[in-house]
Amino acid sequence: MIVLFEISPYPTFSWSLSRHKTLTSCARKYGYEYYFSHNGWLSYNVEPYHQQVYRLKKLQSMPILFGQIVHRYIEQAINDYLQTGKAPTVEELIQLGRGQLNAAFIDSTRRLEFWRQKPNKYYMMQEIYYHGTLSPELVQDYKERLRLVFNHFLMSETFQQITSQKGSLRIGEPEQFRSMKIDDVQVFVVMDFHYYDELRDKWIIVDWKTGGESDDDRQQLALYAYYVQQKYRVSLAQIEVYNEYLLTGKRKKYSFTDIDMENILYTFQRSVLEMKKYQADIFSNEPVDIEDFEQTQEKWHCRGCNFRELCVQKYDEKLSK
């Protein structure tokens, strides 16, 4: 049976913490990211404007790219160990990570036209797209970070537990299946790693961090705890939540109460109401005009934004009228 992919004019409405944070930082960025990039991956029957927005959405800054690469090889290392019983060396992980960073640099500097045609198949680093180069200091910094994060991963309490208790751990489902419904809204939960410890009757949630500590960390982990609580029908007392800060090797434990769960649901509900202000049609999820997505007044957000090219174009269009 041949299943044809159905092209919808507008995206399906959903919620995630990252979506919420984007709207909080800049409604215009939220519009580009979640509405006007829609169908931009198509090569025909789509306006060039949506293709441009989608291309910019696919830009990856060095911190984001670095984090994605590290998470990919941590996940691969854990899966390989569970299947073979063999742990990688730090040098093997560094070589893999460095290879991906080099591939991203080559794509960004030599394959611009390939990326323009297929932005989901090739890398484009945000720094190179906007500035034409990477500073030597930035490159050196991230080379050093590779060794730090992979070394701290292998020495982490989480990985040590995996290697010492392999037979008594039940690993959670793959990332692509992590979503739930709240008030009939699809909620996506991008959780790094979770498992059930049979010896202690505990569900363990682990979030690998390749950057520094953030005030948002607790809220993010509260959502993960809510997801595990709902999915497995367990009490909060059976859930342990950790951040593994891979730059420093620090491990931080979080405890959550029913009040924390109420707070994350309150955040979700208020956030959904705010998002619905940008729907021209609540049934189709058609957005209002891009001009009705307000630009942030905190211009420091713009410096690291993938879409600043579009905001400059809008400003130039206004001046020319």
C-alpha atoms as a PDB file:
ATOM      1  CA  MET A   1       0.000   0.000   0.000  1.00  0.00           C
ATOM      2  CA  ILE A   2       1.344   3.432  -0.967  1.00  0.00           C
ATOM      3  CA  VAL A   3       0.807   6.141   1.647  1.00  0.00           C
ATOM      4  CA  LEU A   4       0.925   9.647   0.198  1.00  0.00           C
ATOM      5  CA  PHE A   5       2.212  12.430   2.396  1.00  0.00           C
ATOM      6  CA  GLU A   6      -0.529  14.988   2.880  1.00  0.00           C
ATOM      7  CA  ILE A   7       0.608  18.589   2.670  1.00  0.00           C
ATOM      8  CA  SER A   8      -1.296  20.802   5.084  1.00  0.00           C
ATOM      9  CA  PRO A   9      -1.387  24.575   4.602  1.00  0.00           C
ATOM     10  CA  TYR A  10      -0.748  25.215   8.297  1.00  0.00           C
ATOM     11  CA  PRO A  11       1.076  23.341  11.053  1.00  0.00           C
ATOM     12  CA  THR A  12      -0.723  21.394  13.758  1.00  0.00           C
ATOM     13  CA  PHE A  13      -0.983  23.310  17.013  1.00  0.00           C
ATOM     14  CA  SER A  14       1.111  21.813  19.804  1.00  0.00           C
ATOM     15  CA  TRP A  15       2.992  22.921  22.898  1.00  0.00           C
ATOM     16  CA  SER A  16       6.468  22.423  24.273  1.00  0.00           C
ATOM     17  CA  LEU A  17       8.594  24.248  26.787  1.00  0.00           C
ATOM     18  CA  SER A  18      10.956  25.413  24.047  1.00  0.00           C
ATOM     19  CA  ARG A  19       7.989  26.775  22.090  1.00  0.00           C
ATOM     20  CA  HIS A  20       6.839  28.610  25.231  1.00  0.00           C
ATOM     21  CA  LYS A  21      10.311  30.084  25.799  1.00  0.00           C
ATOM     22  CA  THR A  22      10.520  31.247  22.187  1.00  0.00           C
ATOM     23  CA  LEU A  23       7.213  33.107  22.471  1.00  0.00           C
ATOM     24  CA  THR A  24       8.309  34.631  25.772  1.00  0.00           C
ATOM     25  CA  SER A  25      11.561  35.913  24.263  1.00  0.00           C
ATOM     26  CA  CYS A  26      10.105  37.245  20.972  1.00  0.00           C
ATOM     27  CA  ALA A  27       6.685  36.726  19.376  1.00  0.00           C
ATOM     28  CA  ARG A  28       8.112  37.515  15.918  1.00  0.00           C
ATOM     29  CA  LYS A  29      10.663  34.723  16.287  1.00  0.00           C
ATOM     30  CA  TYR A  30       7.864  32.428  17.466  1.00  0.00           C
ATOM     31  CA  GLY A  31       5.914  33.228  14.297  1.00  0.00           C
ATOM     32  CA  TYR A  32       8.858  32.480  12.033  1.00  0.00           C
ATOM     33  CA  GLU A  33       9.865  29.322  13.900  1.00  0.00           C
ATOM     34  CA  TYR A  34       6.477  27.659  14.252  1.00  0.00           C
ATOM     35  CA  TYR A  35       4.299  29.106  11.465  1.00  0.00           C
ATOM     36  CA  PHE A  36       6.006  30.812   8.547  1.00  0.00           C
ATOM     37  CA  SER A  37       8.675  28.141   8.117  1.00  0.00           C
ATOM     38  CA  HIS A  38       5.901  25.590   7.549  1.00  0.00           C
ATOM     39  CA  ASN A  39       6.208  23.768   4.186  1.00  0.00           C
ATOM     40  CA  GLY A  40       9.457  25.623   3.539  1.00  0.00           C
ATOM     41  CA  TRP A  41      11.150  22.258   3.047  1.00  0.00           C
ATOM     42  CA  LEU A  42       9.124  21.666  -0.119  1.00  0.00           C
ATOM     43  CA  SER A  43      10.811  22.350  -3.457  1.00  0.00           C
ATOM     44  CA  TYR A  44       7.591  23.179  -5.329  1.00  0.00           C
ATOM     45  CA  ASN A  45       4.100  24.579  -4.674  1.00  0.00           C
ATOM     46  CA  VAL A  46       5.449  26.783  -1.897  1.00  0.00           C
ATOM     47  CA  GLU A  47       6.310  30.475  -1.787  1.00  0.00           C
ATOM     48  CA  PRO A  48      10.044  31.344  -1.767  1.00  0.00           C
ATOM     49  CA  TYR A  49       9.384  33.346   1.409  1.00  0.00           C
ATOM     50  CA  HIS A  50       8.520  30.182   3.354  1.00  0.00           C
ATOM     51  CA  GLN A  51      11.599  28.458   1.931  1.00  0.00           C
ATOM     52  CA  GLN A  52      13.743  31.346   3.156  1.00  0.00           C
ATOM     53  CA  VAL A  53      12.221  31.226   6.644  1.00  0.00           C
ATOM     54  CA  TYR A  54      12.731  27.461   6.797  1.00  0.00           C
ATOM     55  CA  ARG A  55      16.372  27.796   5.734  1.00  0.00           C
ATOM     56  CA  LEU A  56      17.001  30.297   8.510  1.00  0.00           C
ATOM     57  CA  LYS A  57      15.233  28.045  10.996  1.00  0.00           C
ATOM     58  CA  LYS A  58      17.778  25.333  10.161  1.00  0.00           C
ATOM     59  CA  LEU A  59      20.796  27.511  11.001  1.00  0.00           C
ATOM     60  CA  GLN A  60      22.747  26.129  13.941  1.00  0.00           C
ATOM     61  CA  SER A  61      24.826  28.283  16.254  1.00  0.00           C
ATOM     62  CA  MET A  62      27.973  26.729  17.689  1.00  0.00           C
ATOM     63  CA  PRO A  63      26.473  26.162  21.196  1.00  0.00           C
ATOM     64  CA  ILE A  64      23.367  24.492  19.723  1.00  0.00           C
ATOM     65  CA  LEU A  65      25.334  22.391  17.240  1.00  0.00           C
ATOM     66  CA  PHE A  66      27.826  21.363  19.910  1.00  0.00           C
ATOM     67  CA  GLY A  67      25.029  20.327  22.265  1.00  0.00           C
ATOM     68  CA  GLN A  68      23.278  18.280  19.577  1.00  0.00           C
ATOM     69  CA  ILE A  69      26.476  16.452  18.645  1.00  0.00           C
ATOM     70  CA  VAL A  70      27.359  15.655  22.264  1.00  0.00           C
ATOM     71  CA  HIS A  71      23.828  14.422  22.991  1.00  0.00           C
ATOM     72  CA  ARG A  72      23.882  12.243  19.860  1.00  0.00           C
ATOM     73  CA  TYR A  73      27.076  10.446  20.831  1.00  0.00           C
ATOM     74  CA  ILE A  74      26.090  10.100  24.482  1.00  0.00           C
ATOM     75  CA  GLU A  75      22.868   8.404  23.389  1.00  0.00           C
ATOM     76  CA  GLN A  76      24.840   6.206  20.975  1.00  0.00           C
ATOM     77  CA  ALA A  77      27.393   5.318  23.669  1.00  0.00           C
ATOM     78  CA  ILE A  78      24.658   4.256  26.108  1.00  0.00           C
ATOM     79  CA  ASN A  79      22.807   2.205  23.497  1.00  0.00           C
ATOM     80  CA  ASP A  80      26.021   0.533  22.338  1.00  0.00           C
ATOM     81  CA  TYR A  81      26.951  -0.329  25.911  1.00  0.00           C
ATOM     82  CA  LEU A  82      23.547  -1.827  26.635  1.00  0.00           C
ATOM     83  CA  GLN A  83      23.855  -4.018  23.522  1.00  0.00           C
ATOM     84  CA  THR A  84      27.536  -4.974  23.667  1.00  0.00           C
ATOM     85  CA  GLY A  85      28.703  -4.301  27.225  1.00  0.00           C
ATOM     86  CA  LYS A  86      31.569  -2.210  25.846  1.00  0.00           C
ATOM     87  CA  ALA A  87      32.021   1.425  26.824  1.00  0.00           C
ATOM     88  CA  PRO A  88      33.747   3.866  24.436  1.00  0.00           C
ATOM     89  CA  THR A  89      36.953   5.631  25.364  1.00  0.00           C
ATOM     90  CA  VAL A  90      37.055   9.396  25.718  1.00  0.00           C
ATOM     91  CA  GLU A  91      39.346   9.544  22.666  1.00  0.00           C
ATOM     92  CA  GLU A  92      36.812   7.646  20.552  1.00  0.00           C
ATOM     93  CA  LEU A  93      34.044  10.041  21.562  1.00  0.00           C
ATOM     94  CA  ILE A  94      36.246  13.085  20.913  1.00  0.00           C
ATOM     95  CA  GLN A  95      37.095  11.772  17.448  1.00  0.00           C
ATOM     96  CA  LEU A  96      33.403  11.287  16.630  1.00  0.00           C
ATOM     97  CA  GLY A  97      32.453  14.709  17.922  1.00  0.00           C
ATOM     98  CA  ARG A  98      35.315  16.437  16.151  1.00  0.00           C
ATOM     99  CA  GLY A  99      34.387  14.696  12.913  1.00  0.00           C
ATOM    100  CA  GLN A 100      30.846  16.086  13.096  1.00  0.00           C
ATOM    101  CA  LEU A 101      32.057  19.597  13.900  1.00  0.00           C
ATOM    102  CA  ASN A 102      34.447  19.411  10.937  1.00  0.00           C
ATOM    103  CA  ALA A 103      31.626  18.191   8.690  1.00  0.00           C
ATOM    104  CA  ALA A 104      29.481  21.139   9.797  1.00  0.00           C
ATOM    105  CA  PHE A 105      32.337  23.547   9.031  1.00  0.00           C
ATOM    106  CA  ILE A 106      32.903  22.031   5.569  1.00  0.00           C
ATOM    107  CA  ASP A 107      29.194  22.187   4.718  1.00  0.00           C
ATOM    108  CA  SER A 108      28.968  25.770   5.936  1.00  0.00           C
ATOM    109  CA  THR A 109      31.985  27.011   3.975  1.00  0.00           C
ATOM    110  CA  ARG A 110      31.909  24.910   0.804  1.00  0.00           C
ATOM    111  CA  ARG A 111      28.338  23.753   0.242  1.00  0.00           C
ATOM    112  CA  LEU A 112      26.236  26.893   0.542  1.00  0.00           C
ATOM    113  CA  GLU A 113      24.195  26.161  -2.582  1.00  0.00           C
ATOM    114  CA  PHE A 114      23.586  22.559  -1.529  1.00  0.00           C
ATOM    115  CA  TRP A 115      22.301  23.861   1.804  1.00  0.00           C
ATOM    116  CA  ARG A 116      20.089  26.435   0.086  1.00  0.00           C
ATOM    117  CA  GLN A 117      18.463  23.663  -1.925  1.00  0.00           C
ATOM    118  CA  LYS A 118      18.222  21.122   0.915  1.00  0.00           C
ATOM    119  CA  PRO A 119      18.688  22.873   4.269  1.00  0.00           C
ATOM    120  CA  ASN A 120      17.625  19.760   6.196  1.00  0.00           C
ATOM    121  CA  LYS A 121      20.393  17.677   4.584  1.00  0.00           C
ATOM    122  CA  TYR A 122      23.379  19.971   5.092  1.00  0.00           C
ATOM    123  CA  TYR A 123      24.778  21.948   7.987  1.00  0.00           C
ATOM    124  CA  MET A 124      24.924  25.721   8.044  1.00  0.00           C
ATOM    125  CA  MET A 125      26.509  27.331  11.076  1.00  0.00           C
ATOM    126  CA  GLN A 126      24.842  30.555  12.114  1.00  0.00           C
ATOM    127  CA  GLU A 127      28.164  32.308  12.802  1.00  0.00           C
ATOM    128  CA  ILE A 128      29.459  31.522   9.307  1.00  0.00           C
ATOM    129  CA  TYR A 129      26.177  32.450   7.608  1.00  0.00           C
ATOM    130  CA  TYR A 130      26.075  35.890   9.203  1.00  0.00           C
ATOM    131  CA  HIS A 131      29.764  36.656   9.721  1.00  0.00           C
ATOM    132  CA  GLY A 132      31.513  34.493   7.140  1.00  0.00           C
ATOM    133  CA  THR A 133      33.885  32.819   9.584  1.00  0.00           C
ATOM    134  CA  LEU A 134      34.468  31.338  13.025  1.00  0.00           C
ATOM    135  CA  SER A 135      36.858  33.076  15.371  1.00  0.00           C
ATOM    136  CA  PRO A 136      39.960  31.015  16.267  1.00  0.00           C
ATOM    137  CA  GLU A 137      39.129  31.568  19.956  1.00  0.00           C
ATOM    138  CA  LEU A 138      35.679  30.033  19.514  1.00  0.00           C
ATOM    139  CA  VAL A 139      37.103  27.013  17.685  1.00  0.00           C
ATOM    140  CA  GLN A 140      39.743  26.436  20.370  1.00  0.00           C
ATOM    141  CA  ASP A 141      37.180  26.818  23.151  1.00  0.00           C
ATOM    142  CA  TYR A 142      34.929  24.119  21.720  1.00  0.00           C
ATOM    143  CA  LYS A 143      37.832  21.777  21.014  1.00  0.00           C
ATOM    144  CA  GLU A 144      38.643  21.927  24.724  1.00  0.00           C
ATOM    145  CA  ARG A 145      34.983  21.499  25.636  1.00  0.00           C
ATOM    146  CA  LEU A 146      34.794  18.238  23.677  1.00  0.00           C
ATOM    147  CA  ARG A 147      37.333  16.595  25.965  1.00  0.00           C
ATOM    148  CA  LEU A 148      35.728  18.010  29.101  1.00  0.00           C
ATOM    149  CA  VAL A 149      32.158  16.953  28.342  1.00  0.00           C
ATOM    150  CA  PHE A 150      32.952  13.440  27.135  1.00  0.00           C
ATOM    151  CA  ASN A 151      35.337  12.814  30.007  1.00  0.00           C
ATOM    152  CA  HIS A 152      32.735  13.994  32.515  1.00  0.00           C
ATOM    153  CA  PHE A 153      30.077  11.873  30.802  1.00  0.00           C
ATOM    154  CA  LEU A 154      32.124   8.681  31.154  1.00  0.00           C
ATOM    155  CA  MET A 155      32.880   9.527  34.798  1.00  0.00           C
ATOM    156  CA  SER A 156      29.322  10.647  35.568  1.00  0.00           C
ATOM    157  CA  GLU A 157      27.345   8.942  38.286  1.00  0.00           C
ATOM    158  CA  THR A 158      24.635   8.192  35.720  1.00  0.00           C
ATOM    159  CA  PHE A 159      26.930   6.318  33.333  1.00  0.00           C
ATOM    160  CA  GLN A 160      28.637   4.541  36.232  1.00  0.00           C
ATOM    161  CA  GLN A 161      25.246   3.295  37.380  1.00  0.00           C
ATOM    162  CA  ILE A 162      24.396   2.113  33.867  1.00  0.00           C
ATOM    163  CA  THR A 163      27.602   0.092  33.659  1.00  0.00           C
ATOM    164  CA  SER A 164      27.321  -1.383  37.163  1.00  0.00           C
ATOM    165  CA  GLN A 165      23.577  -2.156  37.137  1.00  0.00           C
ATOM    166  CA  LYS A 166      22.962  -3.049  33.513  1.00  0.00           C
ATOM    167  CA  GLY A 167      20.706  -6.006  34.371  1.00  0.00           C
ATOM    168  CA  SER A 168      18.449  -4.126  36.775  1.00  0.00           C
ATOM    169  CA  LEU A 169      17.695  -1.038  34.678  1.00  0.00           C
ATOM    170  CA  ARG A 170      14.775  -0.668  32.289  1.00  0.00           C
ATOM    171  CA  ILE A 171      15.497   2.063  29.777  1.00  0.00           C
ATOM    172  CA  GLY A 172      12.711   4.431  28.702  1.00  0.00           C
ATOM    173  CA  GLU A 173      11.296   4.614  25.204  1.00  0.00           C
ATOM    174  CA  PRO A 174      13.025   6.390  22.280  1.00  0.00           C
ATOM    175  CA  GLU A 175      12.866  10.175  22.143  1.00  0.00           C
ATOM    176  CA  GLN A 176      10.538  10.413  19.152  1.00  0.00           C
ATOM    177  CA  PHE A 177       7.658   8.901  21.136  1.00  0.00           C
ATOM    178  CA  ARG A 178       7.793  11.364  24.016  1.00  0.00           C
ATOM    179  CA  SER A 179       4.591  13.338  23.896  1.00  0.00           C
ATOM    180  CA  MET A 180       1.364  13.506  25.858  1.00  0.00           C
ATOM    181  CA  LYS A 181      -2.013  15.188  25.720  1.00  0.00           C
ATOM    182  CA  ILE A 182      -2.952  17.917  28.182  1.00  0.00           C
ATOM    183  CA  ASP A 183      -6.379  19.511  27.712  1.00  0.00           C
ATOM    184  CA  ASP A 184      -6.477  17.987  24.195  1.00  0.00           C
ATOM    185  CA  VAL A 185      -3.231  19.747  23.244  1.00  0.00           C
ATOM    186  CA  GLN A 186      -0.293  17.658  22.039  1.00  0.00           C
ATOM    187  CA  VAL A 187       2.638  18.371  24.374  1.00  0.00           C
ATOM    188  CA  PHE A 188       6.139  17.381  23.276  1.00  0.00           C
ATOM    189  CA  VAL A 189       8.711  16.471  25.908  1.00  0.00           C
ATOM    190  CA  VAL A 190      12.299  16.277  24.672  1.00  0.00           C
ATOM    191  CA  MET A 191      13.801  14.272  27.500  1.00  0.00           C
ATOM    192  CA  ASP A 192      17.430  13.140  27.209  1.00  0.00           C
ATOM    193  CA  PHE A 193      17.366   9.921  29.206  1.00  0.00           C
ATOM    194  CA  HIS A 194      15.186   8.109  31.704  1.00  0.00           C
ATOM    195  CA  TYR A 195      15.061   4.617  33.128  1.00  0.00           C
ATOM    196  CA  TYR A 196      13.513   2.471  35.839  1.00  0.00           C
ATOM    197  CA  ASP A 197      15.777   1.153  38.587  1.00  0.00           C
ATOM    198  CA  GLU A 198      14.227  -2.183  39.633  1.00  0.00           C
ATOM    199  CA  LEU A 199      16.430  -2.538  42.734  1.00  0.00           C
ATOM    200  CA  ARG A 200      15.208   0.753  44.195  1.00  0.00           C
ATOM    201  CA  ASP A 201      11.758   0.929  42.561  1.00  0.00           C
ATOM    202  CA  LYS A 202      12.620   4.400  41.217  1.00  0.00           C
ATOM    203  CA  TRP A 203      12.216   6.168  37.900  1.00  0.00           C
ATOM    204  CA  ILE A 204      15.336   8.187  37.129  1.00  0.00           C
ATOM    205  CA  ILE A 205      15.318  11.202  34.791  1.00  0.00           C
ATOM    206  CA  VAL A 206      18.638  12.585  33.575  1.00  0.00           C
ATOM    207  CA  ASP A 207      19.232  15.724  31.544  1.00  0.00           C
ATOM    208  CA  TRP A 208      22.695  16.185  30.075  1.00  0.00           C
ATOM    209  CA  LYS A 209      23.772  19.835  29.997  1.00  0.00           C
ATOM    210  CA  THR A 210      26.639  21.009  27.787  1.00  0.00           C
ATOM    211  CA  GLY A 211      26.348  24.625  28.962  1.00  0.00           C
ATOM    212  CA  GLY A 212      26.126  26.310  32.350  1.00  0.00           C
ATOM    213  CA  GLU A 213      23.355  26.227  34.922  1.00  0.00           C
ATOM    214  CA  SER A 214      20.190  28.163  34.081  1.00  0.00           C
ATOM    215  CA  ASP A 215      17.184  29.446  35.997  1.00  0.00           C
ATOM    216  CA  ASP A 216      15.038  27.500  33.496  1.00  0.00           C
ATOM    217  CA  ASP A 217      16.509  24.113  34.413  1.00  0.00           C
ATOM    218  CA  ARG A 218      14.094  23.413  37.273  1.00  0.00           C
ATOM    219  CA  GLN A 219      10.996  24.209  35.187  1.00  0.00           C
ATOM    220  CA  GLN A 220      12.212  21.972  32.378  1.00  0.00           C
ATOM    221  CA  LEU A 221      12.803  19.063  34.739  1.00  0.00           C
ATOM    222  CA  ALA A 222       9.437  19.594  36.441  1.00  0.00           C
ATOM    223  CA  LEU A 223       7.767  19.005  33.068  1.00  0.00           C
ATOM    224  CA  TYR A 224       9.792  15.800  32.643  1.00  0.00           C
ATOM    225  CA  ALA A 225       8.714  14.632  36.091  1.00  0.00           C
ATOM    226  CA  TYR A 226       5.074  15.346  35.218  1.00  0.00           C
ATOM    227  CA  TYR A 227       5.437  13.341  32.005  1.00  0.00           C
ATOM    228  CA  VAL A 228       6.910  10.310  33.811  1.00  0.00           C
ATOM    229  CA  GLN A 229       4.305  10.584  36.576  1.00  0.00           C
ATOM    230  CA  GLN A 230       1.457  10.542  34.050  1.00  0.00           C
ATOM    231  CA  LYS A 231       2.887   7.976  31.645  1.00  0.00           C
ATOM    232  CA  TYR A 232       3.846   5.345  34.199  1.00  0.00           C
ATOM    233  CA  ARG A 233       1.194   6.204  36.804  1.00  0.00           C
ATOM    234  CA  VAL A 234       3.710   6.553  39.603  1.00  0.00           C
ATOM    235  CA  SER A 235       4.002   8.922  42.551  1.00  0.00           C
ATOM    236  CA  LEU A 236       6.484  11.782  42.671  1.00  0.00           C
ATOM    237  CA  ALA A 237       8.217   9.936  45.520  1.00  0.00           C
ATOM    238  CA  GLN A 238       9.197   7.260  42.975  1.00  0.00           C
ATOM    239  CA  ILE A 239      10.824   9.791  40.637  1.00  0.00           C
ATOM    240  CA  GLU A 240      14.381  11.099  40.929  1.00  0.00           C
ATOM    241  CA  VAL A 241      15.533  13.888  38.645  1.00  0.00           C
ATOM    242  CA  TYR A 242      19.100  14.973  37.870  1.00  0.00           C
ATOM    243  CA  ASN A 243      21.015  17.449  35.785  1.00  0.00           C
ATOM    244  CA  GLU A 244      24.465  16.270  34.741  1.00  0.00           C
ATOM    245  CA  TYR A 245      26.476  19.415  33.965  1.00  0.00           C
ATOM    246  CA  LEU A 246      29.105  18.014  31.643  1.00  0.00           C
ATOM    247  CA  LEU A 247      31.361  21.075  31.492  1.00  0.00           C
ATOM    248  CA  THR A 248      31.999  20.978  35.234  1.00  0.00           C
ATOM    249  CA  GLY A 249      31.199  17.370  36.099  1.00  0.00           C
ATOM    250  CA  LYS A 250      28.632  18.575  38.644  1.00  0.00           C
ATOM    251  CA  ARG A 251      25.488  16.537  39.289  1.00  0.00           C
ATOM    252  CA  LYS A 252      22.429  18.274  40.724  1.00  0.00           C
ATOM    253  CA  LYS A 253      19.398  16.488  42.164  1.00  0.00           C
ATOM    254  CA  TYR A 254      15.887  17.973  42.100  1.00  0.00           C
ATOM    255  CA  SER A 255      12.865  17.076  44.186  1.00  0.00           C
ATOM    256  CA  PHE A 256       9.349  17.984  43.127  1.00  0.00           C
ATOM    257  CA  THR A 257       6.017  18.250  44.917  1.00  0.00           C
ATOM    258  CA  ASP A 258       2.397  18.397  43.802  1.00  0.00           C
ATOM    259  CA  ILE A 259       2.698  22.190  43.926  1.00  0.00           C
ATOM    260  CA  ASP A 260       5.462  22.017  41.298  1.00  0.00           C
ATOM    261  CA  MET A 261       3.173  19.943  39.087  1.00  0.00           C
ATOM    262  CA  GLU A 262       0.374  22.482  39.538  1.00  0.00           C
ATOM    263  CA  ASN A 263       2.788  25.278  38.624  1.00  0.00           C
ATOM    264  CA  ILE A 264       3.898  23.602  35.392  1.00  0.00           C
ATOM    265  CA  LEU A 265       0.256  23.017  34.420  1.00  0.00           C
ATOM    266  CA  TYR A 266      -0.512  26.671  35.188  1.00  0.00           C
ATOM    267  CA  THR A 267       2.411  27.729  32.988  1.00  0.00           C
ATOM    268  CA  PHE A 268       1.128  25.464  30.224  1.00  0.00           C
ATOM    269  CA  GLN A 269      -2.420  26.823  30.417  1.00  0.00           C
ATOM    270  CA  ARG A 270      -1.376  30.478  30.443  1.00  0.00           C
ATOM    271  CA  SER A 271       1.094  29.837  27.632  1.00  0.00           C
ATOM    272  CA  VAL A 272      -1.531  28.150  25.436  1.00  0.00           C
ATOM    273  CA  LEU A 273      -3.883  31.096  25.920  1.00  0.00           C
ATOM    274  CA  GLU A 274      -1.105  33.467  24.853  1.00  0.00           C
ATOM    275  CA  MET A 275      -0.289  31.332  21.797  1.00  0.00           C
ATOM    276  CA  LYS A 276      -3.920  31.302  20.706  1.00  0.00           C
ATOM    277  CA  LYS A 277      -3.798  35.099  20.332  1.00  0.00           C
ATOM    278  CA  TYR A 278      -1.725  34.490  17.212  1.00  0.00           C
ATOM    279  CA  GLN A 279      -4.254  32.195  15.553  1.00  0.00           C
ATOM    280  CA  ALA A 280      -6.437  33.758  12.871  1.00  0.00           C
ATOM    281  CA  ASP A 281      -8.400  30.483  12.816  1.00  0.00           C
ATOM    282  CA  ILE A 282      -8.365  28.225  15.872  1.00  0.00           C
ATOM    283  CA  PHE A 283      -9.532  25.192  13.894  1.00  0.00           C
ATOM    284  CA  SER A 284      -6.985  25.248  11.061  1.00  0.00           C
ATOM    285  CA  ASN A 285      -4.257  26.944  13.156  1.00  0.00           C
ATOM    286  CA  GLU A 286      -3.883  29.598  10.463  1.00  0.00           C
ATOM    287  CA  PRO A 287      -1.690  32.350  11.916  1.00  0.00           C
ATOM    288  CA  VAL A 288      -2.299  36.068  11.966  1.00  0.00           C
ATOM    289  CA  ASP A 289      -0.099  38.194   9.698  1.00  0.00           C
ATOM    290  CA  ILE A 290       3.588  38.202  10.552  1.00  0.00           C
ATOM    291  CA  GLU A 291       3.369  41.922  11.377  1.00  0.00           C
ATOM    292  CA  ASP A 292       1.008  41.019  14.225  1.00  0.00           C
ATOM    293  CA  PHE A 293       3.708  38.919  15.873  1.00  0.00           C
ATOM    294  CA  GLU A 294       5.392  41.630  17.941  1.00  0.00           C
ATOM    295  CA  GLN A 295       9.151  42.057  17.856  1.00  0.00           C
ATOM    296  CA  THR A 296      10.979  41.957  21.158  1.00  0.00           C
ATOM    297  CA  GLN A 297      12.057  45.254  22.677  1.00  0.00           C
ATOM    298  CA  GLU A 298      15.016  43.522  24.325  1.00  0.00           C
ATOM    299  CA  LYS A 299      17.413  43.771  21.413  1.00  0.00           C
ATOM    300  CA  TRP A 300      20.037  41.516  22.983  1.00  0.00           C
ATOM    301  CA  HIS A 301      17.764  38.634  21.935  1.00  0.00           C
ATOM    302  CA  CYS A 302      18.330  39.623  18.295  1.00  0.00           C
ATOM    303  CA  ARG A 303      22.092  39.106  18.311  1.00  0.00           C
ATOM    304  CA  GLY A 304      21.793  35.319  18.419  1.00  0.00           C
ATOM    305  CA  CYS A 305      18.541  34.996  16.462  1.00  0.00           C
ATOM    306  CA  ASN A 306      18.480  32.930  13.267  1.00  0.00           C
ATOM    307  CA  PHE A 307      15.845  35.213  11.749  1.00  0.00           C
ATOM    308  CA  ARG A 308      17.510  38.624  12.121  1.00  0.00           C
ATOM    309  CA  GLU A 309      17.998  38.761   8.346  1.00  0.00           C
ATOM    310  CA  LEU A 310      14.212  38.856   7.944  1.00  0.00           C
ATOM    311  CA  CYS A 311      13.745  41.620  10.494  1.00  0.00           C
ATOM    312  CA  VAL A 312      16.350  43.733   8.690  1.00  0.00           C
ATOM    313  CA  GLN A 313      14.509  43.147   5.407  1.00  0.00           C
ATOM    314  CA  LYS A 314      11.235  44.262   6.990  1.00  0.00           C
ATOM    315  CA  TYR A 315      12.918  47.393   8.327  1.00  0.00           C
ATOM    316  CA  ASP A 316      14.421  48.205   4.918  1.00  0.00           C
ATOM    317  CA  GLU A 317      11.023  47.706   3.252  1.00  0.00           C
ATOM    318  CA  LYS A 318       9.460  50.220   5.636  1.00  0.00           C
ATOM    319  CA  LEU A 319      12.174  52.783   4.902  1.00  0.00           C
ATOM    320  CA  SER A 320      11.703  52.403   1.148  1.00  0.00           C
ATOM    321  CA  LYS A 321       7.958  53.099   1.307  1.00  0.00           C
END
